[in-house]
């Protein structure tokens, strides 16, 4: 009741129509709610303290056969699927051959060089063409975004054995 009296007093004193005042109030509430959503979805989550990701079975300079077994190591954090916000958890992402992306945004889901492991997988059999390839692990938060600071492994280079593909 008091809010109604305050609103009527405001309307009478300023000459602002009640409908305009209500609209302005609703717009302000939407803007504030939008700012909270943008803040919660737009900013990278802080990285779990002391966490690290690494390759268990591969080292730079290794010669491997395709499909390549790639095992992901994780210390100091837990694995959870995207969309599930839980403290100190995330999911593995494998970066193949230096894909370009904006680490301040959600990682692209349609880039074949950025492979998401959304079901908590900790290894994969990766099919690669013969030749030299770079691999790097990244640990992403519940929004499909890199943590801040980024949790990533060293970038390694492996050579896939086999005949080089014929050039056309």
N, C-alpha and C. Protein backbone atom coordinates (compact mmCIF):
# COMPACT_ATOMS: atom_id res chain seq x y z
N UNK A 1 0.82 -1.18 0.00
CA UNK A 1 0.00 0.00 0.00
C UNK A 1 0.87 1.25 0.00
N UNK A 2 1.92 1.23 0.81
CA UNK A 2 2.81 2.39 0.89
C UNK A 2 3.45 2.65 -0.47
N UNK A 3 3.82 1.57 -1.21
CA UNK A 3 4.43 1.73 -2.54
C UNK A 3 3.47 2.42 -3.49
N UNK A 4 2.20 2.11 -3.40
CA UNK A 4 1.20 2.74 -4.27
C UNK A 4 1.12 4.22 -3.96
N UNK A 5 1.11 4.58 -2.65
CA UNK A 5 1.05 5.99 -2.26
C UNK A 5 2.28 6.74 -2.75
N UNK A 6 3.45 6.11 -2.63
CA UNK A 6 4.69 6.73 -3.12
C UNK A 6 4.60 6.93 -4.63
N UNK A 7 4.11 5.92 -5.35
CA UNK A 7 3.98 6.01 -6.80
C UNK A 7 3.01 7.11 -7.18
N UNK A 8 1.86 7.20 -6.52
CA UNK A 8 0.87 8.23 -6.83
C UNK A 8 1.41 9.62 -6.52
N UNK A 9 2.13 9.75 -5.42
CA UNK A 9 2.74 11.03 -5.06
C UNK A 9 3.75 11.43 -6.13
N UNK A 10 4.56 10.47 -6.60
CA UNK A 10 5.55 10.72 -7.65
C UNK A 10 4.86 11.17 -8.93
N UNK A 11 3.81 10.47 -9.31
CA UNK A 11 3.07 10.79 -10.53
C UNK A 11 2.46 12.19 -10.42
N UNK A 12 1.84 12.50 -9.28
CA UNK A 12 1.22 13.80 -9.10
C UNK A 12 2.27 14.92 -9.11
N UNK A 13 3.41 14.69 -8.49
CA UNK A 13 4.43 15.71 -8.39
C UNK A 13 5.17 15.97 -9.70
N UNK A 14 5.35 14.91 -10.50
CA UNK A 14 6.15 15.07 -11.72
C UNK A 14 5.33 15.15 -12.98
N UNK A 15 4.10 14.75 -12.91
CA UNK A 15 3.25 14.76 -14.10
C UNK A 15 3.51 13.58 -15.02
N UNK A 16 4.32 12.63 -14.59
CA UNK A 16 4.60 11.43 -15.39
C UNK A 16 3.40 10.49 -15.27
N UNK A 17 2.92 10.01 -16.39
CA UNK A 17 1.78 9.09 -16.36
C UNK A 17 2.17 7.80 -15.67
N UNK A 18 1.22 7.23 -14.94
CA UNK A 18 1.46 6.00 -14.20
C UNK A 18 1.92 4.87 -15.13
N UNK A 19 1.33 4.78 -16.32
CA UNK A 19 1.71 3.73 -17.27
C UNK A 19 3.17 3.90 -17.69
N UNK A 20 3.61 5.13 -17.90
CA UNK A 20 5.01 5.38 -18.27
C UNK A 20 5.94 5.01 -17.14
N UNK A 21 5.52 5.34 -15.91
CA UNK A 21 6.35 5.04 -14.76
C UNK A 21 6.52 3.54 -14.59
N UNK A 22 5.40 2.78 -14.75
CA UNK A 22 5.46 1.33 -14.64
C UNK A 22 6.35 0.75 -15.73
N UNK A 23 6.24 1.27 -16.96
CA UNK A 23 7.06 0.79 -18.07
C UNK A 23 8.54 1.03 -17.77
N UNK A 24 8.87 2.22 -17.30
CA UNK A 24 10.27 2.54 -16.97
C UNK A 24 10.80 1.62 -15.88
N UNK A 25 9.94 1.33 -14.88
CA UNK A 25 10.34 0.45 -13.80
C UNK A 25 10.60 -0.97 -14.31
N UNK A 26 9.70 -1.46 -15.20
CA UNK A 26 9.88 -2.79 -15.78
C UNK A 26 11.14 -2.84 -16.63
N UNK A 27 11.37 -1.80 -17.44
CA UNK A 27 12.57 -1.75 -18.28
C UNK A 27 13.84 -1.77 -17.44
N UNK A 28 13.83 -1.02 -16.34
CA UNK A 28 14.99 -0.99 -15.45
C UNK A 28 15.23 -2.36 -14.83
N UNK A 29 14.14 -3.05 -14.44
CA UNK A 29 14.28 -4.38 -13.85
C UNK A 29 14.83 -5.37 -14.87
N UNK A 30 14.34 -5.29 -16.12
CA UNK A 30 14.84 -6.18 -17.18
C UNK A 30 16.32 -5.92 -17.44
N UNK A 31 16.69 -4.65 -17.48
CA UNK A 31 18.08 -4.28 -17.74
C UNK A 31 18.99 -4.82 -16.63
N UNK A 32 18.53 -4.68 -15.39
CA UNK A 32 19.32 -5.18 -14.26
C UNK A 32 19.44 -6.70 -14.32
N UNK A 33 18.33 -7.39 -14.61
CA UNK A 33 18.37 -8.86 -14.72
C UNK A 33 19.27 -9.28 -15.87
N UNK A 34 19.18 -8.57 -16.99
CA UNK A 34 20.03 -8.87 -18.15
C UNK A 34 21.50 -8.70 -17.82
N UNK A 35 21.82 -7.67 -17.05
CA UNK A 35 23.21 -7.44 -16.66
C UNK A 35 23.72 -8.58 -15.80
N UNK A 36 22.85 -9.11 -14.90
CA UNK A 36 23.27 -10.23 -14.05
C UNK A 36 23.51 -11.47 -14.88
N UNK A 37 22.62 -11.75 -15.85
CA UNK A 37 22.79 -12.92 -16.71
C UNK A 37 24.05 -12.76 -17.54
N UNK A 38 24.25 -11.59 -18.12
CA UNK A 38 25.44 -11.35 -18.94
C UNK A 38 26.70 -11.53 -18.12
N UNK A 39 26.66 -11.02 -16.89
CA UNK A 39 27.83 -11.15 -16.03
C UNK A 39 28.10 -12.62 -15.71
N UNK A 40 27.05 -13.39 -15.40
CA UNK A 40 27.27 -14.77 -15.01
C UNK A 40 27.66 -15.65 -16.19
N UNK A 41 27.19 -15.33 -17.40
CA UNK A 41 27.52 -16.16 -18.55
C UNK A 41 28.72 -15.64 -19.32
N UNK A 42 28.99 -14.34 -19.26
CA UNK A 42 30.02 -13.75 -20.09
C UNK A 42 31.42 -13.82 -19.51
N UNK A 43 31.55 -13.87 -18.21
CA UNK A 43 32.87 -13.87 -17.61
C UNK A 43 33.34 -15.29 -17.39
N UNK A 44 34.60 -15.51 -17.66
CA UNK A 44 35.17 -16.84 -17.45
C UNK A 44 35.20 -17.15 -15.97
N UNK A 45 34.92 -18.39 -15.64
CA UNK A 45 35.03 -18.82 -14.24
C UNK A 45 36.48 -18.82 -13.83
N UNK A 46 36.76 -18.53 -12.56
CA UNK A 46 38.14 -18.65 -12.09
C UNK A 46 38.59 -20.10 -12.15
N UNK A 47 39.81 -20.31 -12.53
CA UNK A 47 40.35 -21.66 -12.61
C UNK A 47 40.47 -22.26 -11.22
N UNK A 48 40.18 -23.56 -11.08
CA UNK A 48 40.38 -24.21 -9.78
C UNK A 48 41.85 -24.07 -9.35
N UNK A 49 42.06 -23.63 -8.12
CA UNK A 49 43.42 -23.40 -7.63
C UNK A 49 44.27 -24.67 -7.71
N UNK A 50 45.43 -24.55 -8.31
CA UNK A 50 46.37 -25.67 -8.38
C UNK A 50 46.03 -26.74 -9.40
N UNK A 51 44.99 -26.54 -10.20
CA UNK A 51 44.59 -27.56 -11.17
C UNK A 51 45.51 -27.55 -12.39
N UNK A 52 45.63 -28.71 -13.04
CA UNK A 52 46.41 -28.81 -14.27
C UNK A 52 45.87 -29.94 -15.14
N UNK A 53 46.07 -29.80 -16.46
CA UNK A 53 45.71 -30.85 -17.41
C UNK A 53 46.98 -31.23 -18.17
N UNK A 54 47.04 -32.49 -18.59
CA UNK A 54 48.24 -32.99 -19.25
C UNK A 54 47.90 -34.26 -20.03
N UNK A 55 48.79 -34.63 -20.93
CA UNK A 55 48.65 -35.89 -21.67
C UNK A 55 49.29 -36.99 -20.84
N UNK A 56 48.59 -38.09 -20.68
CA UNK A 56 49.12 -39.21 -19.91
C UNK A 56 50.08 -40.04 -20.75
N UNK A 57 49.70 -40.35 -21.98
CA UNK A 57 50.45 -41.34 -22.76
C UNK A 57 51.21 -40.77 -23.96
N UNK A 58 51.17 -39.48 -24.17
CA UNK A 58 51.87 -38.90 -25.33
C UNK A 58 52.85 -37.84 -24.89
N UNK A 59 53.95 -37.78 -25.62
CA UNK A 59 54.97 -36.75 -25.40
C UNK A 59 55.32 -36.14 -26.74
N UNK A 60 55.79 -34.93 -26.71
CA UNK A 60 56.18 -34.29 -27.95
C UNK A 60 57.30 -35.10 -28.62
N UNK A 61 57.23 -35.20 -29.93
CA UNK A 61 58.21 -35.97 -30.70
C UNK A 61 57.83 -37.42 -30.93
N UNK A 62 56.73 -37.86 -30.33
CA UNK A 62 56.31 -39.26 -30.48
C UNK A 62 55.87 -39.55 -31.91
N UNK A 63 56.16 -40.76 -32.38
CA UNK A 63 55.63 -41.24 -33.65
C UNK A 63 54.56 -42.26 -33.32
N UNK A 64 53.38 -42.05 -33.88
CA UNK A 64 52.20 -42.85 -33.53
C UNK A 64 51.50 -43.33 -34.79
N UNK A 65 50.63 -44.30 -34.63
CA UNK A 65 49.80 -44.78 -35.74
C UNK A 65 48.37 -44.28 -35.51
N UNK A 66 47.67 -44.03 -36.58
CA UNK A 66 46.28 -43.59 -36.49
C UNK A 66 45.36 -44.81 -36.54
N UNK A 67 44.34 -44.87 -35.73
CA UNK A 67 43.89 -43.86 -34.76
C UNK A 67 44.82 -43.81 -33.54
N UNK A 68 45.01 -42.60 -33.04
CA UNK A 68 45.92 -42.35 -31.93
C UNK A 68 45.13 -42.38 -30.63
N UNK A 69 45.57 -43.20 -29.69
CA UNK A 69 44.95 -43.19 -28.37
C UNK A 69 45.49 -41.96 -27.63
N UNK A 70 44.58 -41.09 -27.20
CA UNK A 70 44.96 -39.89 -26.45
C UNK A 70 44.30 -39.97 -25.09
N UNK A 71 45.12 -40.02 -24.04
CA UNK A 71 44.61 -40.10 -22.67
C UNK A 71 44.82 -38.76 -21.97
N UNK A 72 43.75 -38.26 -21.34
CA UNK A 72 43.77 -36.94 -20.70
C UNK A 72 44.03 -37.09 -19.21
N UNK A 73 44.97 -36.33 -18.69
CA UNK A 73 45.23 -36.29 -17.26
C UNK A 73 44.70 -35.01 -16.66
N UNK A 74 44.26 -35.09 -15.40
CA UNK A 74 43.71 -33.93 -14.69
C UNK A 74 44.08 -34.03 -13.22
N UNK A 75 44.61 -32.94 -12.67
CA UNK A 75 44.92 -32.88 -11.24
C UNK A 75 44.24 -31.65 -10.66
N UNK A 76 43.68 -31.80 -9.47
CA UNK A 76 43.15 -30.66 -8.73
C UNK A 76 41.79 -30.15 -9.16
N UNK A 77 41.06 -30.92 -9.93
CA UNK A 77 39.70 -30.54 -10.36
C UNK A 77 38.92 -31.80 -10.67
N UNK A 78 37.64 -31.64 -10.87
CA UNK A 78 36.79 -32.76 -11.21
C UNK A 78 36.16 -32.55 -12.58
N UNK A 79 35.54 -33.60 -13.10
CA UNK A 79 34.92 -33.56 -14.42
C UNK A 79 33.41 -33.52 -14.25
N UNK A 80 32.79 -32.59 -14.98
CA UNK A 80 31.32 -32.52 -15.03
C UNK A 80 30.93 -32.05 -16.43
N UNK A 81 29.73 -32.40 -16.87
CA UNK A 81 29.33 -32.02 -18.23
C UNK A 81 29.02 -30.53 -18.34
N UNK A 82 29.10 -29.98 -19.55
CA UNK A 82 28.70 -28.58 -19.76
C UNK A 82 27.24 -28.40 -19.35
N UNK A 83 26.92 -27.20 -18.90
CA UNK A 83 25.56 -26.91 -18.47
C UNK A 83 25.33 -27.21 -17.01
N UNK A 84 26.25 -27.93 -16.37
CA UNK A 84 26.13 -28.25 -14.95
C UNK A 84 27.19 -27.44 -14.20
N UNK A 85 26.74 -26.44 -13.47
CA UNK A 85 27.67 -25.58 -12.75
C UNK A 85 27.97 -26.20 -11.40
N UNK A 86 29.22 -26.57 -11.22
CA UNK A 86 29.67 -27.18 -9.97
C UNK A 86 31.09 -26.69 -9.70
N UNK A 87 31.37 -26.37 -8.47
CA UNK A 87 32.66 -25.79 -8.11
C UNK A 87 33.82 -26.69 -8.52
N UNK A 88 34.84 -26.07 -9.07
CA UNK A 88 36.11 -26.74 -9.41
C UNK A 88 35.94 -27.93 -10.35
N UNK A 89 35.00 -27.83 -11.28
CA UNK A 89 34.82 -28.89 -12.27
C UNK A 89 34.75 -28.29 -13.67
N UNK A 90 34.94 -29.14 -14.65
CA UNK A 90 34.84 -28.74 -16.05
C UNK A 90 34.91 -29.98 -16.92
N UNK A 91 35.21 -29.76 -18.20
CA UNK A 91 35.32 -30.90 -19.12
C UNK A 91 36.51 -30.67 -20.04
N UNK A 92 37.01 -31.77 -20.59
CA UNK A 92 38.18 -31.72 -21.47
C UNK A 92 37.79 -31.27 -22.87
N UNK A 93 38.71 -30.54 -23.49
CA UNK A 93 38.60 -30.13 -24.89
C UNK A 93 39.97 -30.39 -25.50
N UNK A 94 39.99 -31.02 -26.67
CA UNK A 94 41.24 -31.31 -27.36
C UNK A 94 41.37 -30.37 -28.55
N UNK A 95 42.49 -29.65 -28.59
CA UNK A 95 42.78 -28.72 -29.68
C UNK A 95 43.76 -29.40 -30.63
N UNK A 96 43.37 -29.53 -31.89
CA UNK A 96 44.18 -30.23 -32.89
C UNK A 96 44.68 -29.22 -33.92
N UNK A 97 45.98 -29.18 -34.14
CA UNK A 97 46.60 -28.34 -35.18
C UNK A 97 46.27 -26.86 -35.02
N UNK A 98 46.42 -26.35 -33.81
CA UNK A 98 46.33 -24.91 -33.51
C UNK A 98 45.09 -24.19 -34.02
N UNK A 99 43.90 -24.60 -33.60
CA UNK A 99 42.71 -23.87 -34.05
C UNK A 99 42.69 -22.46 -33.45
N UNK A 100 42.15 -21.52 -34.18
CA UNK A 100 42.03 -20.14 -33.70
C UNK A 100 40.65 -19.97 -33.08
N UNK A 101 40.61 -19.35 -31.90
CA UNK A 101 39.34 -19.09 -31.21
C UNK A 101 39.54 -17.97 -30.21
N UNK A 102 38.45 -17.38 -29.78
CA UNK A 102 38.47 -16.31 -28.79
C UNK A 102 38.25 -16.95 -27.42
N UNK A 103 39.26 -16.94 -26.58
CA UNK A 103 39.18 -17.61 -25.27
C UNK A 103 38.24 -16.90 -24.31
N UNK A 104 37.78 -15.69 -24.65
CA UNK A 104 36.84 -14.99 -23.77
C UNK A 104 35.40 -15.36 -24.06
N UNK A 105 35.17 -16.16 -25.11
CA UNK A 105 33.82 -16.59 -25.49
C UNK A 105 33.70 -18.10 -25.33
N UNK A 106 32.48 -18.59 -25.44
CA UNK A 106 32.28 -20.04 -25.45
C UNK A 106 33.04 -20.63 -26.63
N UNK A 107 33.66 -21.77 -26.42
CA UNK A 107 34.43 -22.42 -27.48
C UNK A 107 33.49 -22.91 -28.57
N UNK A 108 33.85 -22.72 -29.82
CA UNK A 108 32.97 -23.16 -30.91
C UNK A 108 32.72 -24.66 -30.86
N UNK A 109 31.49 -25.03 -31.18
CA UNK A 109 31.12 -26.44 -31.20
C UNK A 109 31.18 -27.02 -32.61
N UNK A 110 31.36 -26.17 -33.60
CA UNK A 110 31.32 -26.61 -35.00
C UNK A 110 32.68 -26.62 -35.67
N UNK A 111 33.75 -26.50 -34.90
CA UNK A 111 35.10 -26.53 -35.45
C UNK A 111 35.69 -27.93 -35.23
N UNK A 112 36.00 -28.66 -36.31
CA UNK A 112 36.50 -30.03 -36.13
C UNK A 112 37.88 -30.09 -35.46
N UNK A 113 38.56 -28.95 -35.33
CA UNK A 113 39.85 -28.92 -34.65
C UNK A 113 39.72 -28.64 -33.15
N UNK A 114 38.48 -28.38 -32.70
CA UNK A 114 38.19 -28.16 -31.28
C UNK A 114 37.20 -29.25 -30.88
N UNK A 115 37.71 -30.28 -30.22
CA UNK A 115 36.90 -31.46 -29.92
C UNK A 115 36.51 -31.45 -28.44
N UNK A 116 35.20 -31.34 -28.19
CA UNK A 116 34.66 -31.30 -26.83
C UNK A 116 34.35 -32.71 -26.33
N UNK A 117 34.64 -32.95 -25.07
CA UNK A 117 34.34 -34.23 -24.44
C UNK A 117 33.32 -33.97 -23.33
N UNK A 118 32.07 -33.79 -23.78
CA UNK A 118 30.99 -33.33 -22.93
C UNK A 118 30.40 -34.39 -22.01
N UNK A 119 30.84 -35.62 -22.14
CA UNK A 119 30.28 -36.69 -21.30
C UNK A 119 31.28 -37.16 -20.25
N UNK A 120 32.30 -36.35 -20.03
CA UNK A 120 33.28 -36.70 -19.01
C UNK A 120 34.36 -37.65 -19.47
N UNK A 121 34.50 -37.83 -20.79
CA UNK A 121 35.51 -38.75 -21.30
C UNK A 121 36.91 -38.28 -20.89
N UNK A 122 37.77 -39.26 -20.67
CA UNK A 122 39.15 -38.97 -20.29
C UNK A 122 40.14 -39.57 -21.28
N UNK A 123 39.63 -40.06 -22.40
CA UNK A 123 40.49 -40.53 -23.48
C UNK A 123 39.68 -40.60 -24.77
N UNK A 124 40.41 -40.68 -25.89
CA UNK A 124 39.75 -40.81 -27.19
C UNK A 124 40.69 -41.52 -28.16
N UNK A 125 40.12 -42.11 -29.18
CA UNK A 125 40.89 -42.65 -30.30
C UNK A 125 40.72 -41.63 -31.43
N UNK A 126 41.78 -40.92 -31.73
CA UNK A 126 41.75 -39.80 -32.66
C UNK A 126 42.31 -40.21 -34.02
N UNK A 127 41.51 -40.06 -35.05
CA UNK A 127 41.96 -40.37 -36.40
C UNK A 127 42.66 -39.14 -36.99
N UNK A 128 43.93 -39.31 -37.34
CA UNK A 128 44.72 -38.22 -37.92
C UNK A 128 45.38 -38.70 -39.20
N UNK A 129 45.56 -37.80 -40.13
CA UNK A 129 46.26 -38.12 -41.38
C UNK A 129 47.75 -38.28 -41.10
N UNK A 130 48.46 -39.02 -41.94
CA UNK A 130 49.91 -39.12 -41.76
C UNK A 130 50.57 -37.75 -41.81
N UNK A 131 51.60 -37.60 -41.00
CA UNK A 131 52.33 -36.32 -40.96
C UNK A 131 52.40 -35.78 -39.55
N UNK A 132 52.78 -34.53 -39.44
CA UNK A 132 52.98 -33.87 -38.16
C UNK A 132 51.70 -33.16 -37.72
N UNK A 133 51.38 -33.31 -36.42
CA UNK A 133 50.18 -32.66 -35.85
C UNK A 133 50.50 -32.13 -34.47
N UNK A 134 49.88 -31.00 -34.12
CA UNK A 134 49.99 -30.50 -32.75
C UNK A 134 48.71 -30.86 -32.00
N UNK A 135 48.89 -31.15 -30.72
CA UNK A 135 47.77 -31.48 -29.83
C UNK A 135 47.95 -30.67 -28.55
N UNK A 136 46.83 -30.19 -28.02
CA UNK A 136 46.86 -29.49 -26.74
C UNK A 136 45.53 -29.73 -26.04
N UNK A 137 45.60 -29.98 -24.74
CA UNK A 137 44.39 -30.14 -23.94
C UNK A 137 44.02 -28.81 -23.31
N UNK A 138 42.75 -28.57 -23.25
CA UNK A 138 42.20 -27.38 -22.60
C UNK A 138 41.09 -27.87 -21.68
N UNK A 139 40.94 -27.25 -20.54
CA UNK A 139 39.87 -27.61 -19.63
C UNK A 139 38.88 -26.47 -19.63
N UNK A 140 37.60 -26.76 -19.93
CA UNK A 140 36.57 -25.73 -20.09
C UNK A 140 35.54 -25.81 -18.98
N UNK A 141 34.91 -24.68 -18.71
CA UNK A 141 33.91 -24.61 -17.64
C UNK A 141 32.52 -25.03 -18.13
N UNK A 142 31.53 -24.86 -17.31
CA UNK A 142 30.17 -25.31 -17.60
C UNK A 142 29.53 -24.55 -18.76
N UNK A 143 30.12 -23.40 -19.13
CA UNK A 143 29.58 -22.59 -20.23
C UNK A 143 30.31 -22.86 -21.55
N UNK A 144 31.12 -23.90 -21.61
CA UNK A 144 31.94 -24.21 -22.79
C UNK A 144 32.99 -23.12 -23.01
N UNK A 145 33.48 -22.54 -21.94
CA UNK A 145 34.43 -21.44 -22.00
C UNK A 145 35.70 -21.82 -21.25
N UNK A 146 36.83 -21.32 -21.73
CA UNK A 146 38.10 -21.56 -21.03
C UNK A 146 38.06 -20.88 -19.66
N UNK A 147 38.69 -21.50 -18.67
CA UNK A 147 38.79 -20.88 -17.36
C UNK A 147 39.72 -19.68 -17.43
N UNK A 148 39.71 -18.86 -16.37
CA UNK A 148 40.60 -17.72 -16.29
C UNK A 148 41.35 -17.82 -14.96
N UNK A 149 42.67 -18.03 -14.95
CA UNK A 149 43.49 -18.24 -16.14
C UNK A 149 43.20 -19.58 -16.78
N UNK A 150 43.57 -19.67 -18.03
CA UNK A 150 43.29 -20.87 -18.82
C UNK A 150 44.01 -22.09 -18.24
N UNK A 151 43.30 -23.22 -18.21
CA UNK A 151 43.91 -24.49 -17.81
C UNK A 151 44.18 -25.27 -19.09
N UNK A 152 45.44 -25.32 -19.47
CA UNK A 152 45.79 -26.03 -20.69
C UNK A 152 47.11 -26.75 -20.52
N UNK A 153 47.25 -27.81 -21.29
CA UNK A 153 48.49 -28.58 -21.26
C UNK A 153 49.53 -27.89 -22.12
N UNK A 154 50.73 -28.44 -22.05
CA UNK A 154 51.74 -28.03 -23.03
C UNK A 154 51.26 -28.48 -24.39
N UNK A 155 51.61 -27.73 -25.41
CA UNK A 155 51.29 -28.15 -26.78
C UNK A 155 52.36 -29.15 -27.19
N UNK A 156 51.91 -30.29 -27.69
CA UNK A 156 52.87 -31.30 -28.14
C UNK A 156 52.73 -31.50 -29.64
N UNK A 157 53.80 -32.00 -30.25
CA UNK A 157 53.79 -32.33 -31.67
C UNK A 157 54.05 -33.82 -31.81
N UNK A 158 53.16 -34.50 -32.52
CA UNK A 158 53.32 -35.92 -32.78
C UNK A 158 53.37 -36.13 -34.29
N UNK A 159 54.02 -37.21 -34.69
CA UNK A 159 54.07 -37.57 -36.11
C UNK A 159 53.27 -38.86 -36.28
N UNK A 160 52.31 -38.79 -37.19
CA UNK A 160 51.51 -39.97 -37.49
C UNK A 160 52.19 -40.70 -38.64
N UNK A 161 52.52 -41.98 -38.41
CA UNK A 161 53.23 -42.77 -39.42
C UNK A 161 52.29 -43.13 -40.55
N UNK A 162 52.88 -43.52 -41.67
CA UNK A 162 52.09 -43.89 -42.83
C UNK A 162 52.57 -43.10 -44.03
N UNK A 163 52.11 -43.51 -45.18
CA UNK A 163 52.51 -42.82 -46.40
C UNK A 163 51.90 -41.42 -46.40
N UNK A 164 52.66 -40.46 -46.82
CA UNK A 164 52.16 -39.10 -46.94
C UNK A 164 51.08 -39.07 -48.01
N UNK A 165 50.03 -38.29 -47.80
CA UNK A 165 48.98 -38.23 -48.81
C UNK A 165 49.51 -37.64 -50.11
N UNK A 166 49.04 -38.20 -51.21
CA UNK A 166 49.48 -37.71 -52.53
C UNK A 166 48.96 -36.31 -52.77
N UNK A 167 49.82 -35.44 -53.32
CA UNK A 167 49.40 -34.07 -53.63
C UNK A 167 48.77 -34.06 -55.01
N UNK A 168 47.73 -33.27 -55.15
CA UNK A 168 47.04 -33.18 -56.43
C UNK A 168 47.42 -31.92 -57.15
